[in-house]
Amino acid sequence: MKLSRKSVAGLIAFAVIGAGAVYGLSALDVVDPAQASALLVAALCATLIAVNLETGSDLARASRDKKKRDGARDEVSQLAWSLFGRDQQVTFGAMKFVRNVAGDALAVHGLSLENPRDRARIEELLGATHTTALAGSATLNQRELEDLLGKLEHLTDPRPTGA
């Protein structure tokens, strides 16, 4: 148990005041000195337990805050685990994200995944397997996902540059 200076000072003050109360109660013959001492010991124990519980909650909070600060590693780990299911196929959530990325990349070429007339041109650019997966009819494995992302990355912007 790690106590702050403020907590230690409070415990010392409580012990001194309690010792004075024990002396006063026994001097006035209100209670037996043994009973007053036992009452003081019980009060000190209760105070130590209360301080320990309070300090413990601070330690638990600090531990949770540390986990939040280490978020970058945790987020990358969660992303890696969320990409592929147990069958090593790309998960629904990951495919939704890939469809959004592919939709943006194809929109630069004036193509849309939702337009059936663009399907032939999309197949020329990405391949039949990838086009089928982007249409929602199939899933991809890791190799196929890497291949699709590579093709999307290498799509060139058809608009002329202003050079």
Protein backbone atom coordinates (compact mmCIF):
# COMPACT_ATOMS: atom_id res chain seq x y z
CA MET A 1 0.00 0.00 0.00
CA LYS A 2 1.51 3.27 -1.10
CA LEU A 3 0.24 6.29 0.84
CA SER A 4 0.65 9.93 0.01
CA ARG A 5 2.10 12.38 2.53
CA LYS A 6 -1.35 13.82 3.05
CA SER A 7 -2.74 10.39 3.93
CA VAL A 8 0.11 9.66 6.34
CA ALA A 9 -0.30 13.05 8.02
CA GLY A 10 -4.03 12.37 8.40
CA LEU A 11 -3.36 8.97 9.96
CA ILE A 12 -0.86 10.45 12.42
CA ALA A 13 -3.28 13.22 13.36
CA PHE A 14 -6.05 10.64 13.82
CA ALA A 15 -3.79 8.51 16.06
CA VAL A 16 -2.78 11.49 18.23
CA ILE A 17 -6.38 12.68 18.61
CA GLY A 18 -7.50 9.11 19.29
CA ALA A 19 -4.80 8.64 21.94
CA GLY A 20 -5.97 11.87 23.61
CA ALA A 21 -9.56 10.60 23.51
CA VAL A 22 -8.51 7.28 25.09
CA TYR A 23 -6.67 9.14 27.86
CA GLY A 24 -9.62 11.50 28.44
CA LEU A 25 -12.24 8.75 28.49
CA SER A 26 -10.21 6.60 30.87
CA ALA A 27 -9.37 9.61 33.12
CA LEU A 28 -13.08 10.44 33.44
CA ASP A 29 -13.87 6.76 34.15
CA VAL A 30 -16.32 6.69 31.23
CA VAL A 31 -14.78 3.51 29.80
CA ASP A 32 -12.11 1.11 30.86
CA PRO A 33 -8.62 2.04 29.44
CA ALA A 34 -8.41 -1.39 27.74
CA GLN A 35 -11.76 -0.86 26.02
CA ALA A 36 -10.81 2.67 24.93
CA SER A 37 -7.50 1.38 23.54
CA ALA A 38 -9.29 -1.42 21.67
CA LEU A 39 -11.74 1.15 20.26
CA LEU A 40 -8.79 3.30 19.09
CA VAL A 41 -7.10 0.31 17.42
CA ALA A 42 -10.36 -0.63 15.68
CA ALA A 43 -10.82 2.97 14.46
CA LEU A 44 -7.23 3.09 13.16
CA CYS A 45 -7.74 -0.22 11.31
CA ALA A 46 -10.97 1.03 9.77
CA THR A 47 -9.21 4.22 8.68
CA LEU A 48 -6.32 2.26 7.15
CA ILE A 49 -8.77 0.07 5.24
CA ALA A 50 -10.67 3.12 3.97
CA VAL A 51 -7.45 4.83 2.86
CA ASN A 52 -6.26 1.62 1.19
CA LEU A 53 -9.52 1.23 -0.71
CA GLU A 54 -9.35 4.85 -1.84
CA THR A 55 -5.72 4.51 -2.92
CA GLY A 56 -6.49 1.19 -4.61
CA SER A 57 -9.17 2.78 -6.75
CA ASP A 58 -6.65 5.44 -7.82
CA LEU A 59 -4.20 2.70 -8.79
CA ALA A 60 -6.87 0.87 -10.79
CA ARG A 61 -7.81 4.12 -12.55
CA ALA A 62 -4.14 4.82 -13.34
CA SER A 63 -3.83 1.31 -14.79
CA ARG A 64 -6.88 1.88 -17.04
CA ASP A 65 -5.54 5.28 -18.12
CA LYS A 66 -2.20 3.69 -19.05
CA LYS A 67 -4.01 1.16 -21.23
CA LYS A 68 -5.80 4.00 -22.99
CA ARG A 69 -2.50 5.79 -23.65
CA ASP A 70 -1.06 2.67 -25.25
CA GLY A 71 -3.90 2.86 -27.79
CA ALA A 72 -1.83 2.91 -30.95
CA ARG A 73 -0.51 -0.61 -30.42
CA ASP A 74 -3.90 -1.79 -29.23
CA GLU A 75 -5.72 -0.32 -32.22
CA VAL A 76 -3.30 -1.90 -34.69
CA SER A 77 -3.74 -5.23 -32.94
CA GLN A 78 -7.52 -4.93 -33.03
CA LEU A 79 -7.38 -4.02 -36.71
CA ALA A 80 -5.21 -7.03 -37.50
CA TRP A 81 -7.54 -9.37 -35.62
CA SER A 82 -10.64 -7.86 -37.22
CA LEU A 83 -9.46 -8.25 -40.82
CA PHE A 84 -9.74 -12.01 -41.06
CA GLY A 85 -12.22 -14.47 -39.58
CA ARG A 86 -11.50 -17.94 -38.30
CA ASP A 87 -11.79 -19.30 -41.83
CA GLN A 88 -9.00 -16.88 -42.93
CA GLN A 89 -11.48 -15.03 -45.14
CA VAL A 90 -11.82 -11.23 -44.97
CA THR A 91 -14.52 -10.29 -42.46
CA PHE A 92 -17.69 -8.41 -43.38
CA GLY A 93 -16.51 -5.21 -41.66
CA ALA A 94 -13.16 -5.29 -43.43
CA MET A 95 -14.84 -5.91 -46.82
CA LYS A 96 -17.15 -2.96 -46.19
CA PHE A 97 -14.09 -0.77 -45.61
CA VAL A 98 -12.35 -2.15 -48.73
CA ARG A 99 -15.52 -1.50 -50.78
CA ASN A 100 -15.50 2.13 -49.62
CA VAL A 101 -11.83 2.52 -50.56
CA ALA A 102 -12.39 0.84 -53.94
CA GLY A 103 -15.47 2.98 -54.57
CA ASP A 104 -13.43 6.15 -54.01
CA ALA A 105 -10.58 4.92 -56.23
CA LEU A 106 -12.95 3.89 -59.02
CA ALA A 107 -14.91 7.15 -58.78
CA VAL A 108 -11.78 8.97 -59.95
CA HIS A 109 -12.13 6.95 -63.17
CA GLY A 110 -15.83 7.76 -63.39
CA LEU A 111 -16.79 4.21 -62.40
CA SER A 112 -19.21 3.01 -59.75
CA LEU A 113 -19.53 -0.37 -58.08
CA GLU A 114 -23.31 0.11 -58.02
CA ASN A 115 -23.61 0.69 -61.78
CA PRO A 116 -23.88 -2.62 -63.69
CA ARG A 117 -22.71 -0.94 -66.91
CA ASP A 118 -19.33 -0.19 -65.28
CA ARG A 119 -18.71 -3.81 -64.31
CA ALA A 120 -16.79 -4.74 -67.49
CA ARG A 121 -14.40 -1.80 -67.12
CA ILE A 122 -13.93 -2.53 -63.39
CA GLU A 123 -13.10 -6.15 -64.28
CA GLU A 124 -10.45 -4.88 -66.72
CA LEU A 125 -8.89 -2.77 -63.98
CA LEU A 126 -9.18 -5.14 -61.01
CA GLY A 127 -9.97 -8.62 -62.31
CA ALA A 128 -13.10 -10.75 -62.15
CA THR A 129 -12.45 -12.20 -58.68
CA HIS A 130 -11.97 -8.81 -57.10
CA THR A 131 -14.96 -7.29 -58.92
CA THR A 132 -17.18 -10.14 -57.72
CA ALA A 133 -15.95 -9.68 -54.14
CA LEU A 134 -16.50 -5.91 -54.29
CA ALA A 135 -20.02 -6.51 -55.59
CA GLY A 136 -20.66 -8.48 -52.40
CA SER A 137 -20.98 -11.88 -54.07
CA ALA A 138 -17.80 -13.42 -52.65
CA THR A 139 -15.20 -13.06 -49.93
CA LEU A 140 -11.45 -12.81 -50.26
CA ASN A 141 -8.58 -14.51 -48.52
CA GLN A 142 -5.41 -12.71 -47.41
CA ARG A 143 -3.52 -13.12 -50.69
CA GLU A 144 -6.49 -11.92 -52.73
CA LEU A 145 -6.99 -8.92 -50.44
CA GLU A 146 -3.33 -7.94 -50.76
CA ASP A 147 -3.57 -8.27 -54.55
CA LEU A 148 -6.74 -6.11 -54.66
CA LEU A 149 -5.23 -3.42 -52.45
CA GLY A 150 -2.12 -3.39 -54.64
CA LYS A 151 -4.23 -2.92 -57.76
CA LEU A 152 -6.23 -0.13 -56.11
CA GLU A 153 -3.01 1.54 -55.02
CA HIS A 154 -1.63 1.49 -58.54
CA LEU A 155 -4.72 2.84 -60.27
CA THR A 156 -3.60 6.01 -61.98
CA ASP A 157 -5.59 9.20 -62.00
CA PRO A 158 -6.95 9.53 -65.56
CA ARG A 159 -7.26 13.31 -65.28
CA PRO A 160 -4.44 15.28 -66.91
CA THR A 161 -2.05 16.99 -64.55
CA GLY A 162 -1.69 20.75 -64.67
CA ALA A 163 2.06 20.65 -65.25
